Amino acid sequence: MIKAEITIGSCTGETSIAVEILEKGPRPGTVWVCALDGLKPFTKFSHGGPYQDDTTIVLIPSLRDVHIDTESNETRDQVLLSKIGLCDSDLKLPPPIPLDCFLEGMYEDRTCIE
């Protein structure tokens, strides 16, 4: 089992949710995840209206603390990690933009991004 954490924003603030990575998502850079601990934090919409579910699709950069649970089939998990591009449990995130750098200045003056 490959576990990770994601942050969900709501009207009462942000919270971290423990999830299991199930498989590669339908679009590049996405994965299917399932919330752990019996939670159903994801709102989905159907013809009958909104409902809560425990599975959803998330972007890979939104995953934090990705690791393989030691009680699982590690070879299957290693194949899944390499398939979705998370080899060695290491995410390649872009460097953060400095807080004192304005968006307009980034296009004109490249000194904000180094």
PDB file of N, CA and C in Angstrom:
ATOM      1  N   MET A   1       0.851  -1.170   0.000  1.00  0.00           N
ATOM      2  CA  MET A   1       0.000   0.000   0.000  1.00  0.00           C
ATOM      3  C   MET A   1       0.893   1.228   0.000  1.00  0.00           C
ATOM      4  N   ILE A   2       0.636   2.137  -0.935  1.00  0.00           N
ATOM      5  CA  ILE A   2       1.378   3.388  -1.009  1.00  0.00           C
ATOM      6  C   ILE A   2       0.536   4.461  -0.336  1.00  0.00           C
ATOM      7  N   LYS A   3       1.092   5.052   0.712  1.00  0.00           N
ATOM      8  CA  LYS A   3       0.373   6.067   1.466  1.00  0.00           C
ATOM      9  C   LYS A   3       0.958   7.448   1.192  1.00  0.00           C
ATOM     10  N   ALA A   4       0.114   8.469   1.338  1.00  0.00           N
ATOM     11  CA  ALA A   4       0.536   9.856   1.179  1.00  0.00           C
ATOM     12  C   ALA A   4      -0.422  10.736   1.961  1.00  0.00           C
ATOM     13  N   GLU A   5      -0.166  12.015   1.950  1.00  0.00           N
ATOM     14  CA  GLU A   5      -1.055  12.995   2.573  1.00  0.00           C
ATOM     15  C   GLU A   5      -1.389  14.068   1.554  1.00  0.00           C
ATOM     16  N   ILE A   6      -2.622  14.577   1.623  1.00  0.00           N
ATOM     17  CA  ILE A   6      -3.030  15.723   0.822  1.00  0.00           C
ATOM     18  C   ILE A   6      -3.695  16.725   1.748  1.00  0.00           C
ATOM     19  N   THR A   7      -3.715  17.973   1.337  1.00  0.00           N
ATOM     20  CA  THR A   7      -4.367  19.018   2.112  1.00  0.00           C
ATOM     21  C   THR A   7      -5.649  19.422   1.403  1.00  0.00           C
ATOM     22  N   ILE A   8      -6.732  19.462   2.159  1.00  0.00           N
ATOM     23  CA  ILE A   8      -8.033  19.833   1.618  1.00  0.00           C
ATOM     24  C   ILE A   8      -8.471  21.122   2.291  1.00  0.00           C
ATOM     25  N   GLY A   9      -8.903  22.082   1.494  1.00  0.00           N
ATOM     26  CA  GLY A   9      -9.424  23.333   2.020  1.00  0.00           C
ATOM     27  C   GLY A   9     -10.939  23.281   2.116  1.00  0.00           C
ATOM     28  N   SER A  10     -11.474  23.803   3.200  1.00  0.00           N
ATOM     29  CA  SER A  10     -12.926  23.860   3.372  1.00  0.00           C
ATOM     30  C   SER A  10     -13.284  25.219   3.962  1.00  0.00           C
ATOM     31  N   CYS A  11     -14.556  25.424   4.219  1.00  0.00           N
ATOM     32  CA  CYS A  11     -14.982  26.710   4.773  1.00  0.00           C
ATOM     33  C   CYS A  11     -14.478  26.912   6.202  1.00  0.00           C
ATOM     34  N   THR A  12     -14.075  25.839   6.877  1.00  0.00           N
ATOM     35  CA  THR A  12     -13.577  25.963   8.247  1.00  0.00           C
ATOM     36  C   THR A  12     -12.058  25.964   8.316  1.00  0.00           C
ATOM     37  N   GLY A  13     -11.371  25.887   7.171  1.00  0.00           N
ATOM     38  CA  GLY A  13      -9.910  25.885   7.154  1.00  0.00           C
ATOM     39  C   GLY A  13      -9.354  24.718   6.369  1.00  0.00           C
ATOM     40  N   GLU A  14      -8.059  24.475   6.526  1.00  0.00           N
ATOM     41  CA  GLU A  14      -7.398  23.397   5.819  1.00  0.00           C
ATOM     42  C   GLU A  14      -7.128  22.233   6.762  1.00  0.00           C
ATOM     43  N   THR A  15      -7.174  21.023   6.211  1.00  0.00           N
ATOM     44  CA  THR A  15      -6.874  19.830   6.991  1.00  0.00           C
ATOM     45  C   THR A  15      -6.095  18.848   6.133  1.00  0.00           C
ATOM     46  N   SER A  16      -5.253  18.043   6.766  1.00  0.00           N
ATOM     47  CA  SER A  16      -4.488  17.019   6.064  1.00  0.00           C
ATOM     48  C   SER A  16      -5.237  15.698   6.134  1.00  0.00           C
ATOM     49  N   ILE A  17      -5.323  15.020   4.994  1.00  0.00           N
ATOM     50  CA  ILE A  17      -6.022  13.743   4.895  1.00  0.00           C
ATOM     51  C   ILE A  17      -5.020  12.680   4.476  1.00  0.00           C
ATOM     52  N   ALA A  18      -4.981  11.565   5.196  1.00  0.00           N
ATOM     53  CA  ALA A  18      -4.153  10.426   4.801  1.00  0.00           C
ATOM     54  C   ALA A  18      -4.867   9.662   3.697  1.00  0.00           C
ATOM     55  N   VAL A  19      -4.145   9.370   2.602  1.00  0.00           N
ATOM     56  CA  VAL A  19      -4.746   8.683   1.463  1.00  0.00           C
ATOM     57  C   VAL A  19      -3.857   7.527   1.027  1.00  0.00           C
ATOM     58  N   GLU A  20      -4.469   6.596   0.294  1.00  0.00           N
ATOM     59  CA  GLU A  20      -3.746   5.512  -0.353  1.00  0.00           C
ATOM     60  C   GLU A  20      -3.764   5.781  -1.852  1.00  0.00           C
ATOM     61  N   ILE A  21      -2.618   5.653  -2.508  1.00  0.00           N
ATOM     62  CA  ILE A  21      -2.555   5.817  -3.955  1.00  0.00           C
ATOM     63  C   ILE A  21      -2.984   4.492  -4.579  1.00  0.00           C
ATOM     64  N   LEU A  22      -4.054   4.537  -5.367  1.00  0.00           N
ATOM     65  CA  LEU A  22      -4.607   3.319  -5.948  1.00  0.00           C
ATOM     66  C   LEU A  22      -4.003   2.981  -7.306  1.00  0.00           C
ATOM     67  N   GLU A  23      -3.994   3.944  -8.219  1.00  0.00           N
ATOM     68  CA  GLU A  23      -3.464   3.698  -9.556  1.00  0.00           C
ATOM     69  C   GLU A  23      -3.241   5.015 -10.287  1.00  0.00           C
ATOM     70  N   LYS A  24      -2.673   4.895 -11.480  1.00  0.00           N
ATOM     71  CA  LYS A  24      -2.429   6.054 -12.328  1.00  0.00           C
ATOM     72  C   LYS A  24      -3.753   6.664 -12.748  1.00  0.00           C
ATOM     73  N   GLY A  25      -3.797   7.988 -12.803  1.00  0.00           N
ATOM     74  CA  GLY A  25      -5.025   8.683 -13.157  1.00  0.00           C
ATOM     75  C   GLY A  25      -5.291   8.690 -14.651  1.00  0.00           C
ATOM     76  N   PRO A  26      -6.451   9.217 -15.060  1.00  0.00           N
ATOM     77  CA  PRO A  26      -6.822   9.218 -16.470  1.00  0.00           C
ATOM     78  C   PRO A  26      -6.055  10.248 -17.304  1.00  0.00           C
ATOM     79  N   ARG A  27      -5.476  11.262 -16.675  1.00  0.00           N
ATOM     80  CA  ARG A  27      -4.707  12.283 -17.373  1.00  0.00           C
ATOM     81  C   ARG A  27      -3.275  12.272 -16.854  1.00  0.00           C
ATOM     82  N   PRO A  28      -2.326  12.739 -17.664  1.00  0.00           N
ATOM     83  CA  PRO A  28      -0.932  12.784 -17.199  1.00  0.00           C
ATOM     84  C   PRO A  28      -0.796  13.650 -15.948  1.00  0.00           C
ATOM     85  N   GLY A  29      -0.001  13.179 -14.994  1.00  0.00           N
ATOM     86  CA  GLY A  29       0.229  13.936 -13.768  1.00  0.00           C
ATOM     87  C   GLY A  29      -0.837  13.772 -12.712  1.00  0.00           C
ATOM     88  N   THR A  30      -1.741  12.791 -12.878  1.00  0.00           N
ATOM     89  CA  THR A  30      -2.799  12.560 -11.889  1.00  0.00           C
ATOM     90  C   THR A  30      -2.771  11.121 -11.402  1.00  0.00           C
ATOM     91  N   VAL A  31      -3.310  10.907 -10.209  1.00  0.00           N
ATOM     92  CA  VAL A  31      -3.451   9.565  -9.643  1.00  0.00           C
ATOM     93  C   VAL A  31      -4.810   9.444  -8.951  1.00  0.00           C
ATOM     94  N   TRP A  32      -5.316   8.216  -8.880  1.00  0.00           N
ATOM     95  CA  TRP A  32      -6.519   7.922  -8.093  1.00  0.00           C
ATOM     96  C   TRP A  32      -6.073   7.703  -6.656  1.00  0.00           C
ATOM     97  N   VAL A  33      -6.773   8.327  -5.700  1.00  0.00           N
ATOM     98  CA  VAL A  33      -6.479   8.131  -4.287  1.00  0.00           C
ATOM     99  C   VAL A  33      -7.757   7.760  -3.544  1.00  0.00           C
ATOM    100  N   CYS A  34      -7.575   7.086  -2.417  1.00  0.00           N
ATOM    101  CA  CYS A  34      -8.682   6.698  -1.546  1.00  0.00           C
ATOM    102  C   CYS A  34      -8.357   7.182  -0.135  1.00  0.00           C
ATOM    103  N   ALA A  35      -9.272   7.885   0.498  1.00  0.00           N
ATOM    104  CA  ALA A  35      -9.063   8.390   1.854  1.00  0.00           C
ATOM    105  C   ALA A  35      -9.049   7.226   2.845  1.00  0.00           C
ATOM    106  N   LEU A  36      -8.152   7.300   3.803  1.00  0.00           N
ATOM    107  CA  LEU A  36      -8.029   6.254   4.827  1.00  0.00           C
ATOM    108  C   LEU A  36      -8.841   6.626   6.063  1.00  0.00           C
ATOM    109  N   ASP A  37      -8.895   5.728   7.007  1.00  0.00           N
ATOM    110  CA  ASP A  37      -9.575   5.909   8.292  1.00  0.00           C
ATOM    111  C   ASP A  37     -11.081   6.082   8.151  1.00  0.00           C
ATOM    112  N   GLY A  38     -11.657   5.539   7.081  1.00  0.00           N
ATOM    113  CA  GLY A  38     -13.107   5.588   6.905  1.00  0.00           C
ATOM    114  C   GLY A  38     -13.677   6.957   6.577  1.00  0.00           C
ATOM    115  N   LEU A  39     -12.827   7.884   6.154  1.00  0.00           N
ATOM    116  CA  LEU A  39     -13.294   9.226   5.824  1.00  0.00           C
ATOM    117  C   LEU A  39     -13.873   9.270   4.417  1.00  0.00           C
ATOM    118  N   LYS A  40     -14.810  10.175   4.198  1.00  0.00           N
ATOM    119  CA  LYS A  40     -15.375  10.458   2.880  1.00  0.00           C
ATOM    120  C   LYS A  40     -15.326  11.968   2.671  1.00  0.00           C
ATOM    121  N   PRO A  41     -14.120  12.516   2.446  1.00  0.00           N
ATOM    122  CA  PRO A  41     -13.980  13.972   2.395  1.00  0.00           C
ATOM    123  C   PRO A  41     -14.214  14.608   1.034  1.00  0.00           C
ATOM    124  N   PHE A  42     -14.401  13.819  -0.015  1.00  0.00           N
ATOM    125  CA  PHE A  42     -14.479  14.363  -1.364  1.00  0.00           C
ATOM    126  C   PHE A  42     -15.930  14.481  -1.817  1.00  0.00           C
ATOM    127  N   THR A  43     -16.314  15.671  -2.263  1.00  0.00           N
ATOM    128  CA  THR A  43     -17.670  15.910  -2.756  1.00  0.00           C
ATOM    129  C   THR A  43     -17.705  15.663  -4.254  1.00  0.00           C
ATOM    130  N   LYS A  44     -18.644  14.842  -4.684  1.00  0.00           N
ATOM    131  CA  LYS A  44     -18.847  14.570  -6.105  1.00  0.00           C
ATOM    132  C   LYS A  44     -20.286  14.904  -6.451  1.00  0.00           C
ATOM    133  N   PHE A  45     -20.523  15.144  -7.728  1.00  0.00           N
ATOM    134  CA  PHE A  45     -21.858  15.515  -8.178  1.00  0.00           C
ATOM    135  C   PHE A  45     -22.369  14.489  -9.178  1.00  0.00           C
ATOM    136  N   SER A  46     -23.638  14.107  -9.004  1.00  0.00           N
ATOM    137  CA  SER A  46     -24.288  13.199  -9.943  1.00  0.00           C
ATOM    138  C   SER A  46     -25.639  13.804 -10.320  1.00  0.00           C
ATOM    139  N   HIS A  47     -26.419  13.063 -11.087  1.00  0.00           N
ATOM    140  CA  HIS A  47     -27.738  13.560 -11.476  1.00  0.00           C
ATOM    141  C   HIS A  47     -28.665  13.678 -10.267  1.00  0.00           C
ATOM    142  N   GLY A  48     -28.360  12.943  -9.206  1.00  0.00           N
ATOM    143  CA  GLY A  48     -29.171  13.021  -7.993  1.00  0.00           C
ATOM    144  C   GLY A  48     -28.721  14.107  -7.039  1.00  0.00           C
ATOM    145  N   GLY A  49     -27.638  14.804  -7.377  1.00  0.00           N
ATOM    146  CA  GLY A  49     -27.132  15.863  -6.517  1.00  0.00           C
ATOM    147  C   GLY A  49     -25.773  15.518  -5.941  1.00  0.00           C
ATOM    148  N   PRO A  50     -25.261  16.352  -5.058  1.00  0.00           N
ATOM    149  CA  PRO A  50     -23.935  16.104  -4.483  1.00  0.00           C
ATOM    150  C   PRO A  50     -23.948  14.949  -3.479  1.00  0.00           C
ATOM    151  N   TYR A  51     -22.804  14.258  -3.392  1.00  0.00           N
ATOM    152  CA  TYR A  51     -22.647  13.194  -2.411  1.00  0.00           C
ATOM    153  C   TYR A  51     -21.180  13.110  -1.996  1.00  0.00           C
ATOM    154  N   GLN A  52     -20.919  12.523  -0.855  1.00  0.00           N
ATOM    155  CA  GLN A  52     -19.562  12.371  -0.331  1.00  0.00           C
ATOM    156  C   GLN A  52     -19.009  11.013  -0.747  1.00  0.00           C
ATOM    157  N   ASP A  53     -17.715  10.988  -1.113  1.00  0.00           N
ATOM    158  CA  ASP A  53     -17.076   9.756  -1.536  1.00  0.00           C
ATOM    159  C   ASP A  53     -15.678   9.686  -0.935  1.00  0.00           C
ATOM    160  N   ASP A  54     -15.084   8.477  -0.951  1.00  0.00           N
ATOM    161  CA  ASP A  54     -13.747   8.312  -0.396  1.00  0.00           C
ATOM    162  C   ASP A  54     -12.667   8.239  -1.466  1.00  0.00           C
ATOM    163  N   THR A  55     -13.018   8.242  -2.762  1.00  0.00           N
ATOM    164  CA  THR A  55     -12.025   8.212  -3.827  1.00  0.00           C
ATOM    165  C   THR A  55     -12.138   9.455  -4.694  1.00  0.00           C
ATOM    166  N   THR A  56     -10.998   9.875  -5.248  1.00  0.00           N
ATOM    167  CA  THR A  56     -10.974  11.006  -6.160  1.00  0.00           C
ATOM    168  C   THR A  56      -9.682  10.982  -6.949  1.00  0.00           C
ATOM    169  N   ILE A  57      -9.554  11.891  -7.902  1.00  0.00           N
ATOM    170  CA  ILE A  57      -8.345  12.063  -8.699  1.00  0.00           C
ATOM    171  C   ILE A  57      -7.650  13.324  -8.218  1.00  0.00           C
ATOM    172  N   VAL A  58      -6.340  13.236  -7.953  1.00  0.00           N
ATOM    173  CA  VAL A  58      -5.578  14.410  -7.521  1.00  0.00           C
ATOM    174  C   VAL A  58      -4.335  14.554  -8.391  1.00  0.00           C
ATOM    175  N   LEU A  59      -3.791  15.767  -8.421  1.00  0.00           N
ATOM    176  CA  LEU A  59      -2.531  16.019  -9.111  1.00  0.00           C
ATOM    177  C   LEU A  59      -1.374  15.475  -8.289  1.00  0.00           C
ATOM    178  N   ILE A  60      -0.381  14.912  -8.946  1.00  0.00           N
ATOM    179  CA  ILE A  60       0.758  14.321  -8.244  1.00  0.00           C
ATOM    180  C   ILE A  60       1.502  15.341  -7.377  1.00  0.00           C
ATOM    181  N   PRO A  61       1.722  16.596  -7.819  1.00  0.00           N
ATOM    182  CA  PRO A  61       2.431  17.538  -6.938  1.00  0.00           C
ATOM    183  C   PRO A  61       1.694  17.862  -5.638  1.00  0.00           C
ATOM    184  N   SER A  62       0.399  17.559  -5.533  1.00  0.00           N
ATOM    185  CA  SER A  62      -0.315  17.844  -4.284  1.00  0.00           C
ATOM    186  C   SER A  62      -0.088  16.766  -3.227  1.00  0.00           C
ATOM    187  N   LEU A  63       0.570  15.664  -3.586  1.00  0.00           N
ATOM    188  CA  LEU A  63       0.859  14.598  -2.623  1.00  0.00           C
ATOM    189  C   LEU A  63       2.083  14.955  -1.792  1.00  0.00           C
ATOM    190  N   ARG A  64       2.005  14.690  -0.491  1.00  0.00           N
ATOM    191  CA  ARG A  64       3.134  14.901   0.414  1.00  0.00           C
ATOM    192  C   ARG A  64       3.392  13.616   1.182  1.00  0.00           C
ATOM    193  N   ASP A  65       4.620  13.441   1.626  1.00  0.00           N
ATOM    194  CA  ASP A  65       5.020  12.313   2.475  1.00  0.00           C
ATOM    195  C   ASP A  65       4.626  10.973   1.836  1.00  0.00           C
ATOM    196  N   VAL A  66       5.015  10.774   0.582  1.00  0.00           N
ATOM    197  CA  VAL A  66       4.709   9.528  -0.127  1.00  0.00           C
ATOM    198  C   VAL A  66       5.638   8.441   0.377  1.00  0.00           C
ATOM    199  N   HIS A  67       5.065   7.316   0.813  1.00  0.00           N
ATOM    200  CA  HIS A  67       5.877   6.199   1.291  1.00  0.00           C
ATOM    201  C   HIS A  67       5.118   4.883   1.113  1.00  0.00           C
ATOM    202  N   ILE A  68       5.877   3.790   1.101  1.00  0.00           N
ATOM    203  CA  ILE A  68       5.293   2.464   0.968  1.00  0.00           C
ATOM    204  C   ILE A  68       5.110   1.884   2.358  1.00  0.00           C
ATOM    205  N   ASP A  69       3.902   1.412   2.638  1.00  0.00           N
ATOM    206  CA  ASP A  69       3.622   0.759   3.903  1.00  0.00           C
ATOM    207  C   ASP A  69       4.315  -0.599   3.899  1.00  0.00           C
ATOM    208  N   THR A  70       4.987  -0.945   4.975  1.00  0.00           N
ATOM    209  CA  THR A  70       5.807  -2.154   5.013  1.00  0.00           C
ATOM    210  C   THR A  70       4.996  -3.444   5.008  1.00  0.00           C
ATOM    211  N   GLU A  71       3.710  -3.377   5.274  1.00  0.00           N
ATOM    212  CA  GLU A  71       2.903  -4.597   5.347  1.00  0.00           C
ATOM    213  C   GLU A  71       2.347  -5.011   3.991  1.00  0.00           C
ATOM    214  N   SER A  72       2.686  -4.324   2.928  1.00  0.00           N
ATOM    215  CA  SER A  72       2.048  -4.581   1.639  1.00  0.00           C
ATOM    216  C   SER A  72       2.978  -5.308   0.675  1.00  0.00           C
ATOM    217  N   ASN A  73       2.457  -5.565  -0.518  1.00  0.00           N
ATOM    218  CA  ASN A  73       3.216  -6.188  -1.581  1.00  0.00           C
ATOM    219  C   ASN A  73       4.119  -5.133  -2.200  1.00  0.00           C
ATOM    220  N   GLU A  74       5.397  -5.102  -1.793  1.00  0.00           N
ATOM    221  CA  GLU A  74       6.286  -4.011  -2.179  1.00  0.00           C
ATOM    222  C   GLU A  74       6.634  -4.020  -3.657  1.00  0.00           C
ATOM    223  N   THR A  75       6.685  -5.174  -4.314  1.00  0.00           N
ATOM    224  CA  THR A  75       7.035  -5.191  -5.737  1.00  0.00           C
ATOM    225  C   THR A  75       5.934  -4.533  -6.565  1.00  0.00           C
ATOM    226  N   ARG A  76       4.668  -4.796  -6.229  1.00  0.00           N
ATOM    227  CA  ARG A  76       3.563  -4.158  -6.935  1.00  0.00           C
ATOM    228  C   ARG A  76       3.598  -2.658  -6.715  1.00  0.00           C
ATOM    229  N   ASP A  77       3.902  -2.245  -5.486  1.00  0.00           N
ATOM    230  CA  ASP A  77       3.954  -0.827  -5.163  1.00  0.00           C
ATOM    231  C   ASP A  77       5.105  -0.128  -5.878  1.00  0.00           C
ATOM    232  N   GLN A  78       6.266  -0.781  -5.996  1.00  0.00           N
ATOM    233  CA  GLN A  78       7.391  -0.187  -6.718  1.00  0.00           C
ATOM    234  C   GLN A  78       7.054  -0.001  -8.191  1.00  0.00           C
ATOM    235  N   VAL A  79       6.350  -0.973  -8.783  1.00  0.00           N
ATOM    236  CA  VAL A  79       5.940  -0.861 -10.177  1.00  0.00           C
ATOM    237  C   VAL A  79       4.977   0.310 -10.345  1.00  0.00           C
ATOM    238  N   LEU A  80       4.030   0.454  -9.416  1.00  0.00           N
ATOM    239  CA  LEU A  80       3.076   1.558  -9.486  1.00  0.00           C
ATOM    240  C   LEU A  80       3.779   2.902  -9.336  1.00  0.00           C
ATOM    241  N   LEU A  81       4.727   2.998  -8.402  1.00  0.00           N
ATOM    242  CA  LEU A  81       5.458   4.252  -8.211  1.00  0.00           C
ATOM    243  C   LEU A  81       6.231   4.640  -9.461  1.00  0.00           C
ATOM    244  N   SER A  82       6.889   3.680 -10.105  1.00  0.00           N
ATOM    245  CA  SER A  82       7.639   4.002 -11.319  1.00  0.00           C
ATOM    246  C   SER A  82       6.691   4.321 -12.472  1.00  0.00           C
ATOM    247  N   LYS A  83       5.522   3.690 -12.493  1.00  0.00           N
ATOM    248  CA  LYS A  83       4.537   3.927 -13.553  1.00  0.00           C
ATOM    249  C   LYS A  83       3.982   5.349 -13.504  1.00  0.00           C
ATOM    250  N   ILE A  84       3.776   5.881 -12.294  1.00  0.00           N
ATOM    251  CA  ILE A  84       3.233   7.240 -12.176  1.00  0.00           C
ATOM    252  C   ILE A  84       4.330   8.285 -12.030  1.00  0.00           C
ATOM    253  N   GLY A  85       5.591   7.853 -12.039  1.00  0.00           N
ATOM    254  CA  GLY A  85       6.695   8.802 -12.017  1.00  0.00           C
ATOM    255  C   GLY A  85       7.124   9.247 -10.645  1.00  0.00           C
ATOM    256  N   LEU A  86       6.936   8.419  -9.636  1.00  0.00           N
ATOM    257  CA  LEU A  86       7.349   8.764  -8.274  1.00  0.00           C
ATOM    258  C   LEU A  86       8.451   7.816  -7.807  1.00  0.00           C
ATOM    259  N   CYS A  87       9.491   7.644  -8.604  1.00  0.00           N
ATOM    260  CA  CYS A  87      10.587   6.756  -8.247  1.00  0.00           C
ATOM    261  C   CYS A  87      11.290   7.263  -6.992  1.00  0.00           C
ATOM    262  N   ASP A  88      11.692   6.356  -6.149  1.00  0.00           N
ATOM    263  CA  ASP A  88      12.397   6.648  -4.899  1.00  0.00           C
ATOM    264  C   ASP A  88      11.602   7.564  -3.978  1.00  0.00           C
ATOM    265  N   SER A  89      10.283   7.587  -4.121  1.00  0.00           N
ATOM    266  CA  SER A  89       9.407   8.403  -3.280  1.00  0.00           C
ATOM    267  C   SER A  89       9.835   9.867  -3.260  1.00  0.00           C
ATOM    268  N   ASP A  90      10.393  10.339  -4.356  1.00  0.00           N
ATOM    269  CA  ASP A  90      10.922  11.694  -4.413  1.00  0.00           C
ATOM    270  C   ASP A  90      10.129  12.496  -5.425  1.00  0.00           C
ATOM    271  N   LEU A  91       9.482  13.557  -5.007  1.00  0.00           N
ATOM    272  CA  LEU A  91       8.727  14.414  -5.909  1.00  0.00           C
ATOM    273  C   LEU A  91       9.616  15.546  -6.385  1.00  0.00           C
ATOM    274  N   LYS A  92       9.588  15.794  -7.674  1.00  0.00           N
ATOM    275  CA  LYS A  92      10.360  16.886  -8.261  1.00  0.00           C
ATOM    276  C   LYS A  92       9.452  18.107  -8.395  1.00  0.00           C
ATOM    277  N   LEU A  93       9.419  18.929  -7.370  1.00  0.00           N
ATOM    278  CA  LEU A  93       8.573  20.119  -7.372  1.00  0.00           C
ATOM    279  C   LEU A  93       9.380  21.329  -7.805  1.00  0.00           C
ATOM    280  N   PRO A  94       8.745  22.282  -8.496  1.00  0.00           N
ATOM    281  CA  PRO A  94       9.471  23.495  -8.877  1.00  0.00           C
ATOM    282  C   PRO A  94       9.816  24.304  -7.633  1.00  0.00           C
ATOM    283  N   PRO A  95      10.882  25.108  -7.703  1.00  0.00           N
ATOM    284  CA  PRO A  95      11.228  25.917  -6.529  1.00  0.00           C
ATOM    285  C   PRO A  95      10.135  26.942  -6.251  1.00  0.00           C
ATOM    286  N   PRO A  96       9.907  27.277  -4.984  1.00  0.00           N
ATOM    287  CA  PRO A  96       8.859  28.247  -4.658  1.00  0.00           C
ATOM    288  C   PRO A  96       9.225  29.641  -5.163  1.00  0.00           C
ATOM    289  N   ILE A  97       8.208  30.400  -5.515  1.00  0.00           N
ATOM    290  CA  ILE A  97       8.403  31.776  -5.969  1.00  0.00           C
ATOM    291  C   ILE A  97       8.523  32.656  -4.726  1.00  0.00           C
ATOM    292  N   PRO A  98       9.504  33.541  -4.684  1.00  0.00           N
ATOM    293  CA  PRO A  98       9.651  34.416  -3.513  1.00  0.00           C
ATOM    294  C   PRO A  98       8.406  35.271  -3.308  1.00  0.00           C
ATOM    295  N   LEU A  99       8.080  35.539  -2.050  1.00  0.00           N
ATOM    296  CA  LEU A  99       6.885  36.298  -1.739  1.00  0.00           C
ATOM    297  C   LEU A  99       6.956  37.742  -2.200  1.00  0.00           C
ATOM    298  N   ASP A 100       8.157  38.289  -2.329  1.00  0.00           N
ATOM    299  CA  ASP A 100       8.271  39.685  -2.730  1.00  0.00           C
ATOM    300  C   ASP A 100       8.336  39.854  -4.249  1.00  0.00           C
ATOM    301  N   CYS A 101       8.062  38.802  -4.987  1.00  0.00           N
ATOM    302  CA  CYS A 101       8.118  38.842  -6.444  1.00  0.00           C
ATOM    303  C   CYS A 101       6.698  38.922  -6.996  1.00  0.00           C
ATOM    304  N   PHE A 102       6.394  39.969  -7.756  1.00  0.00           N
ATOM    305  CA  PHE A 102       5.069  40.122  -8.343  1.00  0.00           C
ATOM    306  C   PHE A 102       4.983  39.376  -9.662  1.00  0.00           C
ATOM    307  N   LEU A 103       3.795  38.928 -10.009  1.00  0.00           N
ATOM    308  CA  LEU A 103       3.604  38.160 -11.230  1.00  0.00           C
ATOM    309  C   LEU A 103       4.022  38.945 -12.469  1.00  0.00           C
ATOM    310  N   GLU A 104       3.693  40.246 -12.534  1.00  0.00           N
ATOM    311  CA  GLU A 104       4.053  41.046 -13.693  1.00  0.00           C
ATOM    312  C   GLU A 104       5.567  41.166 -13.816  1.00  0.00           C
ATOM    313  N   GLY A 105       6.247  41.263 -12.693  1.00  0.00           N
ATOM    314  CA  GLY A 105       7.695  41.389 -12.701  1.00  0.00           C
ATOM    315  C   GLY A 105       8.395  40.126 -13.154  1.00  0.00           C
ATOM    316  N   MET A 106       7.762  38.990 -13.013  1.00  0.00           N
ATOM    317  CA  MET A 106       8.378  37.731 -13.415  1.00  0.00           C
ATOM    318  C   MET A 106       8.536  37.674 -14.929  1.00  0.00           C
ATOM    319  N   TYR A 107       7.616  38.276 -15.672  1.00  0.00           N
ATOM    320  CA  TYR A 107       7.694  38.217 -17.125  1.00  0.00           C
ATOM    321  C   TYR A 107       8.708  39.215 -17.678  1.00  0.00           C
ATOM    322  N   GLU A 108       8.827  40.371 -17.024  1.00  0.00           N
ATOM    323  CA  GLU A 108       9.721  41.395 -17.509  1.00  0.00           C
ATOM    324  C   GLU A 108      11.140  41.212 -16.971  1.00  0.00           C
ATOM    325  N   ASP A 109      11.263  40.900 -15.700  1.00  0.00           N
ATOM    326  CA  ASP A 109      12.566  40.781 -15.065  1.00  0.00           C
ATOM    327  C   ASP A 109      12.722  39.380 -14.529  1.00  0.00           C
ATOM    328  N   ARG A 110      13.599  38.584 -15.114  1.00  0.00           N
ATOM    329  CA  ARG A 110      13.742  37.175 -14.725  1.00  0.00           C
ATOM    330  C   ARG A 110      14.566  37.001 -13.454  1.00  0.00           C
ATOM    331  N   THR A 111      14.903  38.083 -12.733  1.00  0.00           N
ATOM    332  CA  THR A 111      15.688  37.949 -11.518  1.00  0.00           C
ATOM    333  C   THR A 111      14.875  37.381 -10.376  1.00  0.00           C
ATOM    334  N   CYS A 112      13.540  37.392 -10.497  1.00  0.00           N
ATOM    335  CA  CYS A 112      12.697  36.837  -9.443  1.00  0.00           C
ATOM    336  C   CYS A 112      12.809  35.315  -9.393  1.00  0.00           C
ATOM    337  N   ILE A 113      13.036  34.697 -10.556  1.00  0.00           N
ATOM    338  CA  ILE A 113      13.129  33.236 -10.627  1.00  0.00           C
ATOM    339  C   ILE A 113      14.564  32.858 -10.938  1.00  0.00           C
ATOM    340  N   GLU A 114      15.164  32.087 -10.067  1.00  0.00           N
ATOM    341  CA  GLU A 114      16.536  31.642 -10.304  1.00  0.00           C
ATOM    342  C   GLU A 114      16.678  30.200  -9.952  1.00  0.00           C
TER     343      GLU A 114
END
